[in-house]
Structure formats: structure tokens, C-alpha cells
Protein backbone atom coordinates (compact mmCIF):
# COMPACT_ATOMS: atom_id res chain seq x y z
CA MET A 1 0.00 0.00 0.00
CA ALA A 2 1.56 3.30 -1.12
CA THR A 3 1.52 6.25 1.29
CA ASN A 4 1.92 9.88 0.20
CA ASN A 5 2.93 12.40 2.91
CA ARG A 6 2.77 16.12 2.12
CA ILE A 7 3.46 19.26 4.14
CA VAL A 8 0.96 22.00 3.29
CA GLU A 9 2.14 25.46 4.32
CA THR A 10 1.01 27.65 1.39
CA GLU A 11 -2.11 28.14 -0.73
CA GLN A 12 -0.21 26.73 -3.70
CA ALA A 13 0.59 23.57 -1.73
CA ARG A 14 -3.08 23.31 -0.73
CA ASP A 15 -4.16 23.58 -4.38
CA MET A 16 -1.65 20.91 -5.38
CA LEU A 17 -2.97 18.60 -2.66
CA LEU A 18 -6.56 19.08 -3.80
CA ARG A 19 -5.55 18.36 -7.39
CA PHE A 20 -3.71 15.24 -6.25
CA VAL A 21 -6.75 14.00 -4.32
CA LYS A 22 -9.09 14.58 -7.27
CA GLU A 23 -6.84 12.51 -9.53
CA ARG A 24 -6.60 9.54 -7.16
CA LYS A 25 -8.48 6.37 -8.05
CA LEU A 26 -11.07 5.16 -5.56
CA PRO A 27 -11.01 3.77 -2.97
CA PHE A 28 -8.25 5.33 -0.85
CA THR A 29 -7.72 6.47 2.74
CA ALA A 30 -6.84 10.07 3.59
CA SER A 31 -5.32 11.34 6.83
CA ILE A 32 -4.70 15.01 7.71
CA THR A 33 -2.61 16.06 10.72
CA ASP A 34 -2.65 19.57 12.17
CA GLY A 35 0.66 21.38 12.59
CA LYS A 36 3.93 21.93 10.78
CA HIS A 37 6.56 19.33 9.99
CA ARG A 38 9.36 18.87 12.52
CA THR A 39 12.06 21.58 12.34
CA SER A 40 15.82 21.44 11.75
CA ASP A 41 16.33 22.80 15.30
CA GLN A 42 14.43 19.81 16.69
CA ASN A 43 16.53 17.46 14.55
CA ARG A 44 19.76 19.02 15.86
CA LEU A 45 18.52 18.79 19.44
CA GLN A 46 17.65 15.13 18.97
CA ARG A 47 21.11 14.36 17.56
CA GLN A 48 22.75 16.21 20.46
CA TRP A 49 20.74 14.28 23.06
CA VAL A 50 21.38 10.95 21.33
CA LEU A 51 25.14 11.59 21.42
CA GLU A 52 25.01 12.67 25.08
CA ILE A 53 22.97 9.62 26.12
CA ALA A 54 25.27 7.22 24.26
CA ALA A 55 28.31 8.83 25.93
CA GLN A 56 26.69 8.56 29.38
CA LEU A 57 25.65 4.93 28.93
CA GLY A 58 28.92 3.82 27.43
CA ASP A 59 27.60 0.49 26.18
CA GLN A 60 25.30 1.67 23.36
CA THR A 61 26.03 3.42 20.09
CA PRO A 62 24.22 6.66 19.18
CA GLU A 63 22.25 4.71 16.56
CA GLU A 64 21.11 2.18 19.17
CA VAL A 65 19.99 5.03 21.43
CA ARG A 66 18.15 6.66 18.51
CA GLY A 67 16.38 3.39 17.74
CA TYR A 68 15.36 2.93 21.37
CA CYS A 69 13.95 6.47 21.57
CA LYS A 70 12.02 6.03 18.32
CA LEU A 71 10.44 2.79 19.52
CA HIS A 72 9.68 3.83 23.10
CA PHE A 73 8.77 7.52 22.71
CA GLY A 74 8.07 8.23 19.03
CA VAL A 75 5.96 5.20 18.11
CA PRO A 76 3.44 5.60 20.99
CA ILE A 77 2.81 9.24 20.06
CA LEU A 78 2.18 8.48 16.38
CA ARG A 79 0.01 5.45 17.19
CA ASN A 80 -2.00 7.77 19.44
CA GLU A 81 -2.56 10.44 16.76
CA ASN A 82 -2.04 8.99 13.28
CA ASP A 83 -4.53 6.30 12.21
CA VAL A 84 -2.62 5.49 9.01
CA PHE A 85 0.64 5.01 10.90
CA LYS A 86 -1.10 2.95 13.58
CA ALA A 87 -2.66 0.63 11.00
CA GLU A 88 0.64 0.04 9.18
CA TYR A 89 2.70 -0.31 12.36
CA ASP A 90 0.24 -2.70 13.99
CA ALA A 91 0.06 -4.86 10.88
CA VAL A 92 3.79 -5.01 10.09
CA ILE A 93 5.83 -4.26 13.22
CA MET A 94 3.64 -4.99 16.24
CA PRO A 95 3.63 -8.82 15.89
CA LEU A 96 7.45 -8.99 15.80
CA PRO A 97 9.71 -9.82 18.76
CA TYR A 98 11.05 -6.81 20.64
CA GLU A 99 14.60 -7.25 19.34
CA HIS A 100 13.34 -7.18 15.74
CA LYS A 101 11.27 -4.05 16.39
CA LEU A 102 14.34 -2.33 17.77
CA LYS A 103 16.43 -3.35 14.74
CA LEU A 104 13.81 -1.97 12.36
CA MET A 105 14.03 1.44 14.05
CA MET A 106 17.72 1.68 13.11
CA VAL A 107 19.64 1.86 9.84
CA PRO A 108 19.67 0.20 7.37
CA PHE A 109 15.91 -0.36 7.87
CA ASP A 110 15.08 2.94 9.65
CA PHE A 111 11.29 2.55 9.86
CA GLY A 112 9.78 6.04 9.46
CA VAL A 113 8.73 7.55 12.81
CA THR A 114 10.15 10.94 13.73
CA ARG A 115 10.60 12.04 10.12
CA ILE A 116 6.82 12.06 9.59
CA MET A 117 6.08 13.90 12.82
CA THR A 118 4.74 17.44 13.15
CA THR A 119 6.63 19.94 15.31
CA ARG A 120 4.16 19.34 18.16
CA GLN A 121 4.51 15.57 17.99
CA LYS A 122 8.29 15.86 17.84
CA THR A 123 8.26 18.18 20.86
CA ALA A 124 6.24 15.65 22.85
CA SER A 125 8.60 12.85 21.86
CA LEU A 126 11.71 14.83 22.82
CA VAL A 127 10.32 16.08 26.13
CA ILE A 128 9.00 12.70 27.29
CA GLY A 129 12.29 11.09 26.27
CA ASP A 130 14.22 13.73 28.20
CA VAL A 131 12.06 13.24 31.29
CA HIS A 132 12.64 9.49 31.09
CA ARG A 133 16.43 9.79 30.92
CA SER A 134 16.52 12.35 33.75
CA LEU A 135 14.76 10.00 36.18
CA PRO A 136 16.47 7.14 38.04
CA ALA A 137 15.57 3.68 36.74
CA ASP A 138 13.74 2.88 39.98
CA ALA A 139 11.61 6.05 39.98
CA ASP A 140 8.05 5.25 41.07
CA LEU A 141 4.85 6.16 39.27
CA ALA A 142 4.24 9.27 41.39
CA ALA A 143 7.69 10.66 40.59
CA ARG A 144 7.18 10.08 36.86
CA LYS A 145 3.77 11.80 36.94
CA LYS A 146 5.25 14.80 38.75
CA ALA A 147 8.15 15.05 36.31
CA LEU A 148 5.84 14.95 33.27
CA ARG A 149 3.56 17.63 34.72
CA ALA A 150 6.55 19.89 35.40
CA ALA A 151 7.97 19.33 31.91
CA ARG A 152 4.77 19.98 29.95
CA PRO A 153 5.67 22.35 27.07
CA TRP A 154 3.75 25.59 26.62
CA GLU A 155 2.20 24.26 23.39
CA PHE A 156 0.29 21.76 25.51
CA ALA A 157 -0.51 24.08 28.42
CA SER A 158 -2.18 27.05 26.73
CA THR A 159 -5.43 25.36 25.60
CA SER A 160 -7.78 22.69 26.93
CA TRP A 161 -7.15 20.70 23.73
CA GLY A 162 -3.38 20.86 24.27
CA LYS A 163 -3.74 19.74 27.87
CA LYS A 164 -5.84 16.76 26.78
CA VAL A 165 -3.31 15.74 24.11
CA TRP A 166 -0.42 15.97 26.60
CA ALA A 167 -2.41 13.91 29.10
CA LYS A 168 -2.94 11.19 26.45
CA HIS A 169 0.78 11.09 25.57
CA SER A 170 1.72 11.03 29.25
CA ARG A 171 -0.71 8.19 29.94
CA VAL A 172 0.80 6.01 27.21
CA TYR A 173 4.22 6.47 28.84
CA LEU A 174 3.00 6.05 32.42
CA GLU A 175 1.10 2.84 31.69
CA LYS A 176 4.50 1.19 31.15
CA PHE A 177 5.29 1.97 34.79
CA GLY A 178 2.13 0.82 36.52
CA LEU A 179 -0.59 3.33 35.66
CA ARG A 180 -3.89 1.46 35.35
CA PRO A 181 -5.10 1.42 31.71
CA LEU A 182 -8.43 3.06 31.04
CA LYS A 183 -11.42 0.76 30.69
CA ALA A 184 -13.57 0.97 27.54
CA LYS A 185 -16.14 3.34 29.08
CA GLU A 186 -13.43 5.56 30.55
CA VAL A 187 -11.77 5.81 27.13
CA GLY A 188 -15.08 6.99 25.67
CA ASP A 189 -15.41 9.58 28.44
CA HIS A 190 -12.02 11.06 27.46
CA LEU A 191 -12.82 11.43 23.77
CA SER A 192 -13.56 14.79 22.21
CA PRO A 193 -16.97 15.33 20.53
CA LEU A 194 -15.40 14.74 17.10
CA GLU A 195 -13.67 11.58 18.32
CA ARG A 196 -17.00 10.30 19.70
CA ILE A 197 -18.68 10.85 16.32
CA ILE A 198 -15.87 8.97 14.56
CA ALA A 199 -16.05 6.14 17.11
CA LYS A 200 -19.84 5.82 16.64
CA ALA A 201 -19.43 5.78 12.85
CA LYS A 202 -16.83 3.01 13.09
CA ALA A 203 -19.05 1.05 15.44
CA GLY A 204 -21.89 1.30 12.93
CA GLU A 205 -19.66 -0.12 10.20
CA ALA A 206 -18.64 -3.13 12.31
């Protein structure tokens, strides 16, 4: 299945996207993500952190650290926000053993994760990864919650929508350290009105 990712920042780019969609043969699946593509500053910061972490650990290469961060911090964020990514990842990568997943995050395979992120998604990935590396390995759930609350970027603190998105990303991370997963009804209670409409439509198709 071919996937076409485009960054739309101008009216010309919007027109080209509309023309592209009109020329596509049916059926196809479309996915639109709010926000700009990740920036070169974010890329440089990621490379700097990867080098620092590898130097501190001493037993992992920068590429191994990069692969670990992609799998543990990047993948959960995209699975949480990008239905197309989630479908492809769950079908191809999810069934594999952990060691194989980790290998696929690194060169020469380099499964696309951070390179398809928006600036907001990349920010979340970097911040959660930085919080994780700043905490001791035996940090309890309460300490991890407190650290995530303190580290929440302004992009996720200025609106109710941003706060909800940060809470969802934080929950995915915290569930790995003992936070109780939401039950089906609780998940529904946390959905936005648009997400509830989409969920009802999908339920009707089942």
C-alpha cells in the first residue's frame, strides 16, 4: 500500500494537494494532521541528546539510542494520533519480537517515525524522552507523573485541547510503569466530541 505524505504550508501547496486527491483512483484512505513538519532545530537537538545519552551509557552506540527512543517515545505518540501510521505499524511491526522491532528502528531499515512527525509531535517525543532519561531507573509512578507535569511544554498548556493531548501522551508512557489502563467506558469519556462521532461511525460499520 503506497503512502503519500505532504506538508501543506502555502495556498499553492493546498491547491496541489486538492488536485492530487481529485486525480486519485477510488477507494483510498486520507489522513490530515494539524501542525507543521518537525524543524531542523528539533533534529539538531535530537542528535545532540542521542550523542550525550550514548556517551553517558557507554555500552550503546548513538544509533542504538536513537532506535530505542524512536520505539519507546516516538511510536506511541504516532500510534495515538495517526490512524494510518497505527494501521501500518500494527500490521507489520507490532507482531514482531522486541529485538526485531528495535532493529527496524535503526539503519539500514530505519522505519519512518520521527521524520513524519509534526513539530508538536516531535516536541512531545523529545520532552518525554528527556524526562525518562533524567529520572532514576527505579523512579516510582508518582515521581514520573510529577516530572511529566513539570515538563509539559507551553504548546500543551495554553489550551484545553493541548492539555488533553499531553495527558494522552503522558498516559501512554506512564502505563508502562504501573498506571492502570483506562477501561472501555473511561476511554469513551475522554474522547472529544469529534472523536466520539468517529467512534460511533466506526461502530456502525462493524
